């Protein structure tokens, strides 16, 4: 469960970074 939560956290961060990159 902890591994799944950390994986989802990294996915959210990467999605946020991709979204910021598209905005930039």
PDBML (XML) file of the C-alpha atoms, coordinates in Angstrom:
<?xml version="1.0" encoding="UTF-8" ?>
<PDBx:datablock datablockName="MODEL"
   xmlns:PDBx="http://pdbml.pdb.org/schema/pdbx-v50.xsd"
   xmlns:xsi="http://www.w3.org/2001/XMLSchema-instance"
   xsi:schemaLocation="http://pdbml.pdb.org/schema/pdbx-v50.xsd pdbx-v50.xsd">
   <PDBx:atom_siteCategory>
      <PDBx:atom_site id="1">
         <PDBx:B_iso_or_equiv>0.00</PDBx:B_iso_or_equiv>
         <PDBx:Cartn_x>0.000</PDBx:Cartn_x>
         <PDBx:Cartn_y>0.000</PDBx:Cartn_y>
         <PDBx:Cartn_z>0.000</PDBx:Cartn_z>
         <PDBx:auth_asym_id>A</PDBx:auth_asym_id>
         <PDBx:auth_atom_id>CA</PDBx:auth_atom_id>
         <PDBx:auth_comp_id>UNK</PDBx:auth_comp_id>
         <PDBx:auth_seq_id>1</PDBx:auth_seq_id>
         <PDBx:group_PDB>ATOM</PDBx:group_PDB>
         <PDBx:label_alt_id xsi:nil="true" />
         <PDBx:label_asym_id>A</PDBx:label_asym_id>
         <PDBx:label_atom_id>CA</PDBx:label_atom_id>
         <PDBx:label_comp_id>UNK</PDBx:label_comp_id>
         <PDBx:label_entity_id>1</PDBx:label_entity_id>
         <PDBx:label_seq_id>1</PDBx:label_seq_id>
         <PDBx:occupancy>1.00</PDBx:occupancy>
         <PDBx:pdbx_PDB_model_num>1</PDBx:pdbx_PDB_model_num>
         <PDBx:type_symbol>C</PDBx:type_symbol>
      </PDBx:atom_site>
      <PDBx:atom_site id="2">
         <PDBx:B_iso_or_equiv>0.00</PDBx:B_iso_or_equiv>
         <PDBx:Cartn_x>2.841</PDBx:Cartn_x>
         <PDBx:Cartn_y>2.429</PDBx:Cartn_y>
         <PDBx:Cartn_z>0.871</PDBx:Cartn_z>
         <PDBx:auth_asym_id>A</PDBx:auth_asym_id>
         <PDBx:auth_atom_id>CA</PDBx:auth_atom_id>
         <PDBx:auth_comp_id>UNK</PDBx:auth_comp_id>
         <PDBx:auth_seq_id>2</PDBx:auth_seq_id>
         <PDBx:group_PDB>ATOM</PDBx:group_PDB>
         <PDBx:label_alt_id xsi:nil="true" />
         <PDBx:label_asym_id>A</PDBx:label_asym_id>
         <PDBx:label_atom_id>CA</PDBx:label_atom_id>
         <PDBx:label_comp_id>UNK</PDBx:label_comp_id>
         <PDBx:label_entity_id>1</PDBx:label_entity_id>
         <PDBx:label_seq_id>2</PDBx:label_seq_id>
         <PDBx:occupancy>1.00</PDBx:occupancy>
         <PDBx:pdbx_PDB_model_num>1</PDBx:pdbx_PDB_model_num>
         <PDBx:type_symbol>C</PDBx:type_symbol>
      </PDBx:atom_site>
      <PDBx:atom_site id="3">
         <PDBx:B_iso_or_equiv>0.00</PDBx:B_iso_or_equiv>
         <PDBx:Cartn_x>4.576</PDBx:Cartn_x>
         <PDBx:Cartn_y>1.567</PDBx:Cartn_y>
         <PDBx:Cartn_z>-2.405</PDBx:Cartn_z>
         <PDBx:auth_asym_id>A</PDBx:auth_asym_id>
         <PDBx:auth_atom_id>CA</PDBx:auth_atom_id>
         <PDBx:auth_comp_id>UNK</PDBx:auth_comp_id>
         <PDBx:auth_seq_id>3</PDBx:auth_seq_id>
         <PDBx:group_PDB>ATOM</PDBx:group_PDB>
         <PDBx:label_alt_id xsi:nil="true" />
         <PDBx:label_asym_id>A</PDBx:label_asym_id>
         <PDBx:label_atom_id>CA</PDBx:label_atom_id>
         <PDBx:label_comp_id>UNK</PDBx:label_comp_id>
         <PDBx:label_entity_id>1</PDBx:label_entity_id>
         <PDBx:label_seq_id>3</PDBx:label_seq_id>
         <PDBx:occupancy>1.00</PDBx:occupancy>
         <PDBx:pdbx_PDB_model_num>1</PDBx:pdbx_PDB_model_num>
         <PDBx:type_symbol>C</PDBx:type_symbol>
      </PDBx:atom_site>
      <PDBx:atom_site id="4">
         <PDBx:B_iso_or_equiv>0.00</PDBx:B_iso_or_equiv>
         <PDBx:Cartn_x>1.331</PDBx:Cartn_x>
         <PDBx:Cartn_y>2.208</PDBx:Cartn_y>
         <PDBx:Cartn_z>-4.289</PDBx:Cartn_z>
         <PDBx:auth_asym_id>A</PDBx:auth_asym_id>
         <PDBx:auth_atom_id>CA</PDBx:auth_atom_id>
         <PDBx:auth_comp_id>UNK</PDBx:auth_comp_id>
         <PDBx:auth_seq_id>4</PDBx:auth_seq_id>
         <PDBx:group_PDB>ATOM</PDBx:group_PDB>
         <PDBx:label_alt_id xsi:nil="true" />
         <PDBx:label_asym_id>A</PDBx:label_asym_id>
         <PDBx:label_atom_id>CA</PDBx:label_atom_id>
         <PDBx:label_comp_id>UNK</PDBx:label_comp_id>
         <PDBx:label_entity_id>1</PDBx:label_entity_id>
         <PDBx:label_seq_id>4</PDBx:label_seq_id>
         <PDBx:occupancy>1.00</PDBx:occupancy>
         <PDBx:pdbx_PDB_model_num>1</PDBx:pdbx_PDB_model_num>
         <PDBx:type_symbol>C</PDBx:type_symbol>
      </PDBx:atom_site>
      <PDBx:atom_site id="5">
         <PDBx:B_iso_or_equiv>0.00</PDBx:B_iso_or_equiv>
         <PDBx:Cartn_x>0.810</PDBx:Cartn_x>
         <PDBx:Cartn_y>5.578</PDBx:Cartn_y>
         <PDBx:Cartn_z>-2.556</PDBx:Cartn_z>
         <PDBx:auth_asym_id>A</PDBx:auth_asym_id>
         <PDBx:auth_atom_id>CA</PDBx:auth_atom_id>
         <PDBx:auth_comp_id>UNK</PDBx:auth_comp_id>
         <PDBx:auth_seq_id>5</PDBx:auth_seq_id>
         <PDBx:group_PDB>ATOM</PDBx:group_PDB>
         <PDBx:label_alt_id xsi:nil="true" />
         <PDBx:label_asym_id>A</PDBx:label_asym_id>
         <PDBx:label_atom_id>CA</PDBx:label_atom_id>
         <PDBx:label_comp_id>UNK</PDBx:label_comp_id>
         <PDBx:label_entity_id>1</PDBx:label_entity_id>
         <PDBx:label_seq_id>5</PDBx:label_seq_id>
         <PDBx:occupancy>1.00</PDBx:occupancy>
         <PDBx:pdbx_PDB_model_num>1</PDBx:pdbx_PDB_model_num>
         <PDBx:type_symbol>C</PDBx:type_symbol>
      </PDBx:atom_site>
      <PDBx:atom_site id="6">
         <PDBx:B_iso_or_equiv>0.00</PDBx:B_iso_or_equiv>
         <PDBx:Cartn_x>4.366</PDBx:Cartn_x>
         <PDBx:Cartn_y>6.724</PDBx:Cartn_y>
         <PDBx:Cartn_z>-3.324</PDBx:Cartn_z>
         <PDBx:auth_asym_id>A</PDBx:auth_asym_id>
         <PDBx:auth_atom_id>CA</PDBx:auth_atom_id>
         <PDBx:auth_comp_id>UNK</PDBx:auth_comp_id>
         <PDBx:auth_seq_id>6</PDBx:auth_seq_id>
         <PDBx:group_PDB>ATOM</PDBx:group_PDB>
         <PDBx:label_alt_id xsi:nil="true" />
         <PDBx:label_asym_id>A</PDBx:label_asym_id>
         <PDBx:label_atom_id>CA</PDBx:label_atom_id>
         <PDBx:label_comp_id>UNK</PDBx:label_comp_id>
         <PDBx:label_entity_id>1</PDBx:label_entity_id>
         <PDBx:label_seq_id>6</PDBx:label_seq_id>
         <PDBx:occupancy>1.00</PDBx:occupancy>
         <PDBx:pdbx_PDB_model_num>1</PDBx:pdbx_PDB_model_num>
         <PDBx:type_symbol>C</PDBx:type_symbol>
      </PDBx:atom_site>
      <PDBx:atom_site id="7">
         <PDBx:B_iso_or_equiv>0.00</PDBx:B_iso_or_equiv>
         <PDBx:Cartn_x>3.966</PDBx:Cartn_x>
         <PDBx:Cartn_y>5.630</PDBx:Cartn_y>
         <PDBx:Cartn_z>-6.931</PDBx:Cartn_z>
         <PDBx:auth_asym_id>A</PDBx:auth_asym_id>
         <PDBx:auth_atom_id>CA</PDBx:auth_atom_id>
         <PDBx:auth_comp_id>UNK</PDBx:auth_comp_id>
         <PDBx:auth_seq_id>7</PDBx:auth_seq_id>
         <PDBx:group_PDB>ATOM</PDBx:group_PDB>
         <PDBx:label_alt_id xsi:nil="true" />
         <PDBx:label_asym_id>A</PDBx:label_asym_id>
         <PDBx:label_atom_id>CA</PDBx:label_atom_id>
         <PDBx:label_comp_id>UNK</PDBx:label_comp_id>
         <PDBx:label_entity_id>1</PDBx:label_entity_id>
         <PDBx:label_seq_id>7</PDBx:label_seq_id>
         <PDBx:occupancy>1.00</PDBx:occupancy>
         <PDBx:pdbx_PDB_model_num>1</PDBx:pdbx_PDB_model_num>
         <PDBx:type_symbol>C</PDBx:type_symbol>
      </PDBx:atom_site>
      <PDBx:atom_site id="8">
         <PDBx:B_iso_or_equiv>0.00</PDBx:B_iso_or_equiv>
         <PDBx:Cartn_x>0.734</PDBx:Cartn_x>
         <PDBx:Cartn_y>7.618</PDBx:Cartn_y>
         <PDBx:Cartn_z>-7.244</PDBx:Cartn_z>
         <PDBx:auth_asym_id>A</PDBx:auth_asym_id>
         <PDBx:auth_atom_id>CA</PDBx:auth_atom_id>
         <PDBx:auth_comp_id>UNK</PDBx:auth_comp_id>
         <PDBx:auth_seq_id>8</PDBx:auth_seq_id>
         <PDBx:group_PDB>ATOM</PDBx:group_PDB>
         <PDBx:label_alt_id xsi:nil="true" />
         <PDBx:label_asym_id>A</PDBx:label_asym_id>
         <PDBx:label_atom_id>CA</PDBx:label_atom_id>
         <PDBx:label_comp_id>UNK</PDBx:label_comp_id>
         <PDBx:label_entity_id>1</PDBx:label_entity_id>
         <PDBx:label_seq_id>8</PDBx:label_seq_id>
         <PDBx:occupancy>1.00</PDBx:occupancy>
         <PDBx:pdbx_PDB_model_num>1</PDBx:pdbx_PDB_model_num>
         <PDBx:type_symbol>C</PDBx:type_symbol>
      </PDBx:atom_site>
      <PDBx:atom_site id="9">
         <PDBx:B_iso_or_equiv>0.00</PDBx:B_iso_or_equiv>
         <PDBx:Cartn_x>2.462</PDBx:Cartn_x>
         <PDBx:Cartn_y>10.605</PDBx:Cartn_y>
         <PDBx:Cartn_z>-5.628</PDBx:Cartn_z>
         <PDBx:auth_asym_id>A</PDBx:auth_asym_id>
         <PDBx:auth_atom_id>CA</PDBx:auth_atom_id>
         <PDBx:auth_comp_id>UNK</PDBx:auth_comp_id>
         <PDBx:auth_seq_id>9</PDBx:auth_seq_id>
         <PDBx:group_PDB>ATOM</PDBx:group_PDB>
         <PDBx:label_alt_id xsi:nil="true" />
         <PDBx:label_asym_id>A</PDBx:label_asym_id>
         <PDBx:label_atom_id>CA</PDBx:label_atom_id>
         <PDBx:label_comp_id>UNK</PDBx:label_comp_id>
         <PDBx:label_entity_id>1</PDBx:label_entity_id>
         <PDBx:label_seq_id>9</PDBx:label_seq_id>
         <PDBx:occupancy>1.00</PDBx:occupancy>
         <PDBx:pdbx_PDB_model_num>1</PDBx:pdbx_PDB_model_num>
         <PDBx:type_symbol>C</PDBx:type_symbol>
      </PDBx:atom_site>
      <PDBx:atom_site id="10">
         <PDBx:B_iso_or_equiv>0.00</PDBx:B_iso_or_equiv>
         <PDBx:Cartn_x>5.254</PDBx:Cartn_x>
         <PDBx:Cartn_y>10.492</PDBx:Cartn_y>
         <PDBx:Cartn_z>-8.252</PDBx:Cartn_z>
         <PDBx:auth_asym_id>A</PDBx:auth_asym_id>
         <PDBx:auth_atom_id>CA</PDBx:auth_atom_id>
         <PDBx:auth_comp_id>UNK</PDBx:auth_comp_id>
         <PDBx:auth_seq_id>10</PDBx:auth_seq_id>
         <PDBx:group_PDB>ATOM</PDBx:group_PDB>
         <PDBx:label_alt_id xsi:nil="true" />
         <PDBx:label_asym_id>A</PDBx:label_asym_id>
         <PDBx:label_atom_id>CA</PDBx:label_atom_id>
         <PDBx:label_comp_id>UNK</PDBx:label_comp_id>
         <PDBx:label_entity_id>1</PDBx:label_entity_id>
         <PDBx:label_seq_id>10</PDBx:label_seq_id>
         <PDBx:occupancy>1.00</PDBx:occupancy>
         <PDBx:pdbx_PDB_model_num>1</PDBx:pdbx_PDB_model_num>
         <PDBx:type_symbol>C</PDBx:type_symbol>
      </PDBx:atom_site>
      <PDBx:atom_site id="11">
         <PDBx:B_iso_or_equiv>0.00</PDBx:B_iso_or_equiv>
         <PDBx:Cartn_x>2.694</PDBx:Cartn_x>
         <PDBx:Cartn_y>10.114</PDBx:Cartn_y>
         <PDBx:Cartn_z>-11.038</PDBx:Cartn_z>
         <PDBx:auth_asym_id>A</PDBx:auth_asym_id>
         <PDBx:auth_atom_id>CA</PDBx:auth_atom_id>
         <PDBx:auth_comp_id>UNK</PDBx:auth_comp_id>
         <PDBx:auth_seq_id>11</PDBx:auth_seq_id>
         <PDBx:group_PDB>ATOM</PDBx:group_PDB>
         <PDBx:label_alt_id xsi:nil="true" />
         <PDBx:label_asym_id>A</PDBx:label_asym_id>
         <PDBx:label_atom_id>CA</PDBx:label_atom_id>
         <PDBx:label_comp_id>UNK</PDBx:label_comp_id>
         <PDBx:label_entity_id>1</PDBx:label_entity_id>
         <PDBx:label_seq_id>11</PDBx:label_seq_id>
         <PDBx:occupancy>1.00</PDBx:occupancy>
         <PDBx:pdbx_PDB_model_num>1</PDBx:pdbx_PDB_model_num>
         <PDBx:type_symbol>C</PDBx:type_symbol>
      </PDBx:atom_site>
      <PDBx:atom_site id="12">
         <PDBx:B_iso_or_equiv>0.00</PDBx:B_iso_or_equiv>
         <PDBx:Cartn_x>0.810</PDBx:Cartn_x>
         <PDBx:Cartn_y>13.189</PDBx:Cartn_y>
         <PDBx:Cartn_z>-9.773</PDBx:Cartn_z>
         <PDBx:auth_asym_id>A</PDBx:auth_asym_id>
         <PDBx:auth_atom_id>CA</PDBx:auth_atom_id>
         <PDBx:auth_comp_id>UNK</PDBx:auth_comp_id>
         <PDBx:auth_seq_id>12</PDBx:auth_seq_id>
         <PDBx:group_PDB>ATOM</PDBx:group_PDB>
         <PDBx:label_alt_id xsi:nil="true" />
         <PDBx:label_asym_id>A</PDBx:label_asym_id>
         <PDBx:label_atom_id>CA</PDBx:label_atom_id>
         <PDBx:label_comp_id>UNK</PDBx:label_comp_id>
         <PDBx:label_entity_id>1</PDBx:label_entity_id>
         <PDBx:label_seq_id>12</PDBx:label_seq_id>
         <PDBx:occupancy>1.00</PDBx:occupancy>
         <PDBx:pdbx_PDB_model_num>1</PDBx:pdbx_PDB_model_num>
         <PDBx:type_symbol>C</PDBx:type_symbol>
      </PDBx:atom_site>
      <PDBx:atom_site id="13">
         <PDBx:B_iso_or_equiv>0.00</PDBx:B_iso_or_equiv>
         <PDBx:Cartn_x>4.065</PDBx:Cartn_x>
         <PDBx:Cartn_y>15.142</PDBx:Cartn_y>
         <PDBx:Cartn_z>-9.609</PDBx:Cartn_z>
         <PDBx:auth_asym_id>A</PDBx:auth_asym_id>
         <PDBx:auth_atom_id>CA</PDBx:auth_atom_id>
         <PDBx:auth_comp_id>UNK</PDBx:auth_comp_id>
         <PDBx:auth_seq_id>13</PDBx:auth_seq_id>
         <PDBx:group_PDB>ATOM</PDBx:group_PDB>
         <PDBx:label_alt_id xsi:nil="true" />
         <PDBx:label_asym_id>A</PDBx:label_asym_id>
         <PDBx:label_atom_id>CA</PDBx:label_atom_id>
         <PDBx:label_comp_id>UNK</PDBx:label_comp_id>
         <PDBx:label_entity_id>1</PDBx:label_entity_id>
         <PDBx:label_seq_id>13</PDBx:label_seq_id>
         <PDBx:occupancy>1.00</PDBx:occupancy>
         <PDBx:pdbx_PDB_model_num>1</PDBx:pdbx_PDB_model_num>
         <PDBx:type_symbol>C</PDBx:type_symbol>
      </PDBx:atom_site>
      <PDBx:atom_site id="14">
         <PDBx:B_iso_or_equiv>0.00</PDBx:B_iso_or_equiv>
         <PDBx:Cartn_x>5.080</PDBx:Cartn_x>
         <PDBx:Cartn_y>14.103</PDBx:Cartn_y>
         <PDBx:Cartn_z>-13.121</PDBx:Cartn_z>
         <PDBx:auth_asym_id>A</PDBx:auth_asym_id>
         <PDBx:auth_atom_id>CA</PDBx:auth_atom_id>
         <PDBx:auth_comp_id>UNK</PDBx:auth_comp_id>
         <PDBx:auth_seq_id>14</PDBx:auth_seq_id>
         <PDBx:group_PDB>ATOM</PDBx:group_PDB>
         <PDBx:label_alt_id xsi:nil="true" />
         <PDBx:label_asym_id>A</PDBx:label_asym_id>
         <PDBx:label_atom_id>CA</PDBx:label_atom_id>
         <PDBx:label_comp_id>UNK</PDBx:label_comp_id>
         <PDBx:label_entity_id>1</PDBx:label_entity_id>
         <PDBx:label_seq_id>14</PDBx:label_seq_id>
         <PDBx:occupancy>1.00</PDBx:occupancy>
         <PDBx:pdbx_PDB_model_num>1</PDBx:pdbx_PDB_model_num>
         <PDBx:type_symbol>C</PDBx:type_symbol>
      </PDBx:atom_site>
      <PDBx:atom_site id="15">
         <PDBx:B_iso_or_equiv>0.00</PDBx:B_iso_or_equiv>
         <PDBx:Cartn_x>1.621</PDBx:Cartn_x>
         <PDBx:Cartn_y>14.978</PDBx:Cartn_y>
         <PDBx:Cartn_z>-14.435</PDBx:Cartn_z>
         <PDBx:auth_asym_id>A</PDBx:auth_asym_id>
         <PDBx:auth_atom_id>CA</PDBx:auth_atom_id>
         <PDBx:auth_comp_id>UNK</PDBx:auth_comp_id>
         <PDBx:auth_seq_id>15</PDBx:auth_seq_id>
         <PDBx:group_PDB>ATOM</PDBx:group_PDB>
         <PDBx:label_alt_id xsi:nil="true" />
         <PDBx:label_asym_id>A</PDBx:label_asym_id>
         <PDBx:label_atom_id>CA</PDBx:label_atom_id>
         <PDBx:label_comp_id>UNK</PDBx:label_comp_id>
         <PDBx:label_entity_id>1</PDBx:label_entity_id>
         <PDBx:label_seq_id>15</PDBx:label_seq_id>
         <PDBx:occupancy>1.00</PDBx:occupancy>
         <PDBx:pdbx_PDB_model_num>1</PDBx:pdbx_PDB_model_num>
         <PDBx:type_symbol>C</PDBx:type_symbol>
      </PDBx:atom_site>
      <PDBx:atom_site id="16">
         <PDBx:B_iso_or_equiv>0.00</PDBx:B_iso_or_equiv>
         <PDBx:Cartn_x>1.894</PDBx:Cartn_x>
         <PDBx:Cartn_y>18.381</PDBx:Cartn_y>
         <PDBx:Cartn_z>-12.787</PDBx:Cartn_z>
         <PDBx:auth_asym_id>A</PDBx:auth_asym_id>
         <PDBx:auth_atom_id>CA</PDBx:auth_atom_id>
         <PDBx:auth_comp_id>UNK</PDBx:auth_comp_id>
         <PDBx:auth_seq_id>16</PDBx:auth_seq_id>
         <PDBx:group_PDB>ATOM</PDBx:group_PDB>
         <PDBx:label_alt_id xsi:nil="true" />
         <PDBx:label_asym_id>A</PDBx:label_asym_id>
         <PDBx:label_atom_id>CA</PDBx:label_atom_id>
         <PDBx:label_comp_id>UNK</PDBx:label_comp_id>
         <PDBx:label_entity_id>1</PDBx:label_entity_id>
         <PDBx:label_seq_id>16</PDBx:label_seq_id>
         <PDBx:occupancy>1.00</PDBx:occupancy>
         <PDBx:pdbx_PDB_model_num>1</PDBx:pdbx_PDB_model_num>
         <PDBx:type_symbol>C</PDBx:type_symbol>
      </PDBx:atom_site>
      <PDBx:atom_site id="17">
         <PDBx:B_iso_or_equiv>0.00</PDBx:B_iso_or_equiv>
         <PDBx:Cartn_x>5.326</PDBx:Cartn_x>
         <PDBx:Cartn_y>18.889</PDBx:Cartn_y>
         <PDBx:Cartn_z>-14.323</PDBx:Cartn_z>
         <PDBx:auth_asym_id>A</PDBx:auth_asym_id>
         <PDBx:auth_atom_id>CA</PDBx:auth_atom_id>
         <PDBx:auth_comp_id>UNK</PDBx:auth_comp_id>
         <PDBx:auth_seq_id>17</PDBx:auth_seq_id>
         <PDBx:group_PDB>ATOM</PDBx:group_PDB>
         <PDBx:label_alt_id xsi:nil="true" />
         <PDBx:label_asym_id>A</PDBx:label_asym_id>
         <PDBx:label_atom_id>CA</PDBx:label_atom_id>
         <PDBx:label_comp_id>UNK</PDBx:label_comp_id>
         <PDBx:label_entity_id>1</PDBx:label_entity_id>
         <PDBx:label_seq_id>17</PDBx:label_seq_id>
         <PDBx:occupancy>1.00</PDBx:occupancy>
         <PDBx:pdbx_PDB_model_num>1</PDBx:pdbx_PDB_model_num>
         <PDBx:type_symbol>C</PDBx:type_symbol>
      </PDBx:atom_site>
      <PDBx:atom_site id="18">
         <PDBx:B_iso_or_equiv>0.00</PDBx:B_iso_or_equiv>
         <PDBx:Cartn_x>4.031</PDBx:Cartn_x>
         <PDBx:Cartn_y>17.919</PDBx:Cartn_y>
         <PDBx:Cartn_z>-17.762</PDBx:Cartn_z>
         <PDBx:auth_asym_id>A</PDBx:auth_asym_id>
         <PDBx:auth_atom_id>CA</PDBx:auth_atom_id>
         <PDBx:auth_comp_id>UNK</PDBx:auth_comp_id>
         <PDBx:auth_seq_id>18</PDBx:auth_seq_id>
         <PDBx:group_PDB>ATOM</PDBx:group_PDB>
         <PDBx:label_alt_id xsi:nil="true" />
         <PDBx:label_asym_id>A</PDBx:label_asym_id>
         <PDBx:label_atom_id>CA</PDBx:label_atom_id>
         <PDBx:label_comp_id>UNK</PDBx:label_comp_id>
         <PDBx:label_entity_id>1</PDBx:label_entity_id>
         <PDBx:label_seq_id>18</PDBx:label_seq_id>
         <PDBx:occupancy>1.00</PDBx:occupancy>
         <PDBx:pdbx_PDB_model_num>1</PDBx:pdbx_PDB_model_num>
         <PDBx:type_symbol>C</PDBx:type_symbol>
      </PDBx:atom_site>
      <PDBx:atom_site id="19">
         <PDBx:B_iso_or_equiv>0.00</PDBx:B_iso_or_equiv>
         <PDBx:Cartn_x>1.137</PDBx:Cartn_x>
         <PDBx:Cartn_y>20.308</PDBx:Cartn_y>
         <PDBx:Cartn_z>-17.361</PDBx:Cartn_z>
         <PDBx:auth_asym_id>A</PDBx:auth_asym_id>
         <PDBx:auth_atom_id>CA</PDBx:auth_atom_id>
         <PDBx:auth_comp_id>UNK</PDBx:auth_comp_id>
         <PDBx:auth_seq_id>19</PDBx:auth_seq_id>
         <PDBx:group_PDB>ATOM</PDBx:group_PDB>
         <PDBx:label_alt_id xsi:nil="true" />
         <PDBx:label_asym_id>A</PDBx:label_asym_id>
         <PDBx:label_atom_id>CA</PDBx:label_atom_id>
         <PDBx:label_comp_id>UNK</PDBx:label_comp_id>
         <PDBx:label_entity_id>1</PDBx:label_entity_id>
         <PDBx:label_seq_id>19</PDBx:label_seq_id>
         <PDBx:occupancy>1.00</PDBx:occupancy>
         <PDBx:pdbx_PDB_model_num>1</PDBx:pdbx_PDB_model_num>
         <PDBx:type_symbol>C</PDBx:type_symbol>
      </PDBx:atom_site>
      <PDBx:atom_site id="20">
         <PDBx:B_iso_or_equiv>0.00</PDBx:B_iso_or_equiv>
         <PDBx:Cartn_x>3.486</PDBx:Cartn_x>
         <PDBx:Cartn_y>23.144</PDBx:Cartn_y>
         <PDBx:Cartn_z>-16.373</PDBx:Cartn_z>
         <PDBx:auth_asym_id>A</PDBx:auth_asym_id>
         <PDBx:auth_atom_id>CA</PDBx:auth_atom_id>
         <PDBx:auth_comp_id>UNK</PDBx:auth_comp_id>
         <PDBx:auth_seq_id>20</PDBx:auth_seq_id>
         <PDBx:group_PDB>ATOM</PDBx:group_PDB>
         <PDBx:label_alt_id xsi:nil="true" />
         <PDBx:label_asym_id>A</PDBx:label_asym_id>
         <PDBx:label_atom_id>CA</PDBx:label_atom_id>
         <PDBx:label_comp_id>UNK</PDBx:label_comp_id>
         <PDBx:label_entity_id>1</PDBx:label_entity_id>
         <PDBx:label_seq_id>20</PDBx:label_seq_id>
         <PDBx:occupancy>1.00</PDBx:occupancy>
         <PDBx:pdbx_PDB_model_num>1</PDBx:pdbx_PDB_model_num>
         <PDBx:type_symbol>C</PDBx:type_symbol>
      </PDBx:atom_site>
      <PDBx:atom_site id="21">
         <PDBx:B_iso_or_equiv>0.00</PDBx:B_iso_or_equiv>
         <PDBx:Cartn_x>5.726</PDBx:Cartn_x>
         <PDBx:Cartn_y>22.277</PDBx:Cartn_y>
         <PDBx:Cartn_z>-19.313</PDBx:Cartn_z>
         <PDBx:auth_asym_id>A</PDBx:auth_asym_id>
         <PDBx:auth_atom_id>CA</PDBx:auth_atom_id>
         <PDBx:auth_comp_id>UNK</PDBx:auth_comp_id>
         <PDBx:auth_seq_id>21</PDBx:auth_seq_id>
         <PDBx:group_PDB>ATOM</PDBx:group_PDB>
         <PDBx:label_alt_id xsi:nil="true" />
         <PDBx:label_asym_id>A</PDBx:label_asym_id>
         <PDBx:label_atom_id>CA</PDBx:label_atom_id>
         <PDBx:label_comp_id>UNK</PDBx:label_comp_id>
         <PDBx:label_entity_id>1</PDBx:label_entity_id>
         <PDBx:label_seq_id>21</PDBx:label_seq_id>
         <PDBx:occupancy>1.00</PDBx:occupancy>
         <PDBx:pdbx_PDB_model_num>1</PDBx:pdbx_PDB_model_num>
         <PDBx:type_symbol>C</PDBx:type_symbol>
      </PDBx:atom_site>
      <PDBx:atom_site id="22">
         <PDBx:B_iso_or_equiv>0.00</PDBx:B_iso_or_equiv>
         <PDBx:Cartn_x>2.780</PDBx:Cartn_x>
         <PDBx:Cartn_y>22.561</PDBx:Cartn_y>
         <PDBx:Cartn_z>-21.712</PDBx:Cartn_z>
         <PDBx:auth_asym_id>A</PDBx:auth_asym_id>
         <PDBx:auth_atom_id>CA</PDBx:auth_atom_id>
         <PDBx:auth_comp_id>UNK</PDBx:auth_comp_id>
         <PDBx:auth_seq_id>22</PDBx:auth_seq_id>
         <PDBx:group_PDB>ATOM</PDBx:group_PDB>
         <PDBx:label_alt_id xsi:nil="true" />
         <PDBx:label_asym_id>A</PDBx:label_asym_id>
         <PDBx:label_atom_id>CA</PDBx:label_atom_id>
         <PDBx:label_comp_id>UNK</PDBx:label_comp_id>
         <PDBx:label_entity_id>1</PDBx:label_entity_id>
         <PDBx:label_seq_id>22</PDBx:label_seq_id>
         <PDBx:occupancy>1.00</PDBx:occupancy>
         <PDBx:pdbx_PDB_model_num>1</PDBx:pdbx_PDB_model_num>
         <PDBx:type_symbol>C</PDBx:type_symbol>
      </PDBx:atom_site>
      <PDBx:atom_site id="23">
         <PDBx:B_iso_or_equiv>0.00</PDBx:B_iso_or_equiv>
         <PDBx:Cartn_x>1.868</PDBx:Cartn_x>
         <PDBx:Cartn_y>25.888</PDBx:Cartn_y>
         <PDBx:Cartn_z>-20.149</PDBx:Cartn_z>
         <PDBx:auth_asym_id>A</PDBx:auth_asym_id>
         <PDBx:auth_atom_id>CA</PDBx:auth_atom_id>
         <PDBx:auth_comp_id>UNK</PDBx:auth_comp_id>
         <PDBx:auth_seq_id>23</PDBx:auth_seq_id>
         <PDBx:group_PDB>ATOM</PDBx:group_PDB>
         <PDBx:label_alt_id xsi:nil="true" />
         <PDBx:label_asym_id>A</PDBx:label_asym_id>
         <PDBx:label_atom_id>CA</PDBx:label_atom_id>
         <PDBx:label_comp_id>UNK</PDBx:label_comp_id>
         <PDBx:label_entity_id>1</PDBx:label_entity_id>
         <PDBx:label_seq_id>23</PDBx:label_seq_id>
         <PDBx:occupancy>1.00</PDBx:occupancy>
         <PDBx:pdbx_PDB_model_num>1</PDBx:pdbx_PDB_model_num>
         <PDBx:type_symbol>C</PDBx:type_symbol>
      </PDBx:atom_site>
      <PDBx:atom_site id="24">
         <PDBx:B_iso_or_equiv>0.00</PDBx:B_iso_or_equiv>
         <PDBx:Cartn_x>5.432</PDBx:Cartn_x>
         <PDBx:Cartn_y>27.145</PDBx:Cartn_y>
         <PDBx:Cartn_z>-20.513</PDBx:Cartn_z>
         <PDBx:auth_asym_id>A</PDBx:auth_asym_id>
         <PDBx:auth_atom_id>CA</PDBx:auth_atom_id>
         <PDBx:auth_comp_id>UNK</PDBx:auth_comp_id>
         <PDBx:auth_seq_id>24</PDBx:auth_seq_id>
         <PDBx:group_PDB>ATOM</PDBx:group_PDB>
         <PDBx:label_alt_id xsi:nil="true" />
         <PDBx:label_asym_id>A</PDBx:label_asym_id>
         <PDBx:label_atom_id>CA</PDBx:label_atom_id>
         <PDBx:label_comp_id>UNK</PDBx:label_comp_id>
         <PDBx:label_entity_id>1</PDBx:label_entity_id>
         <PDBx:label_seq_id>24</PDBx:label_seq_id>
         <PDBx:occupancy>1.00</PDBx:occupancy>
         <PDBx:pdbx_PDB_model_num>1</PDBx:pdbx_PDB_model_num>
         <PDBx:type_symbol>C</PDBx:type_symbol>
      </PDBx:atom_site>
   </PDBx:atom_siteCategory>
</PDBx:datablock>
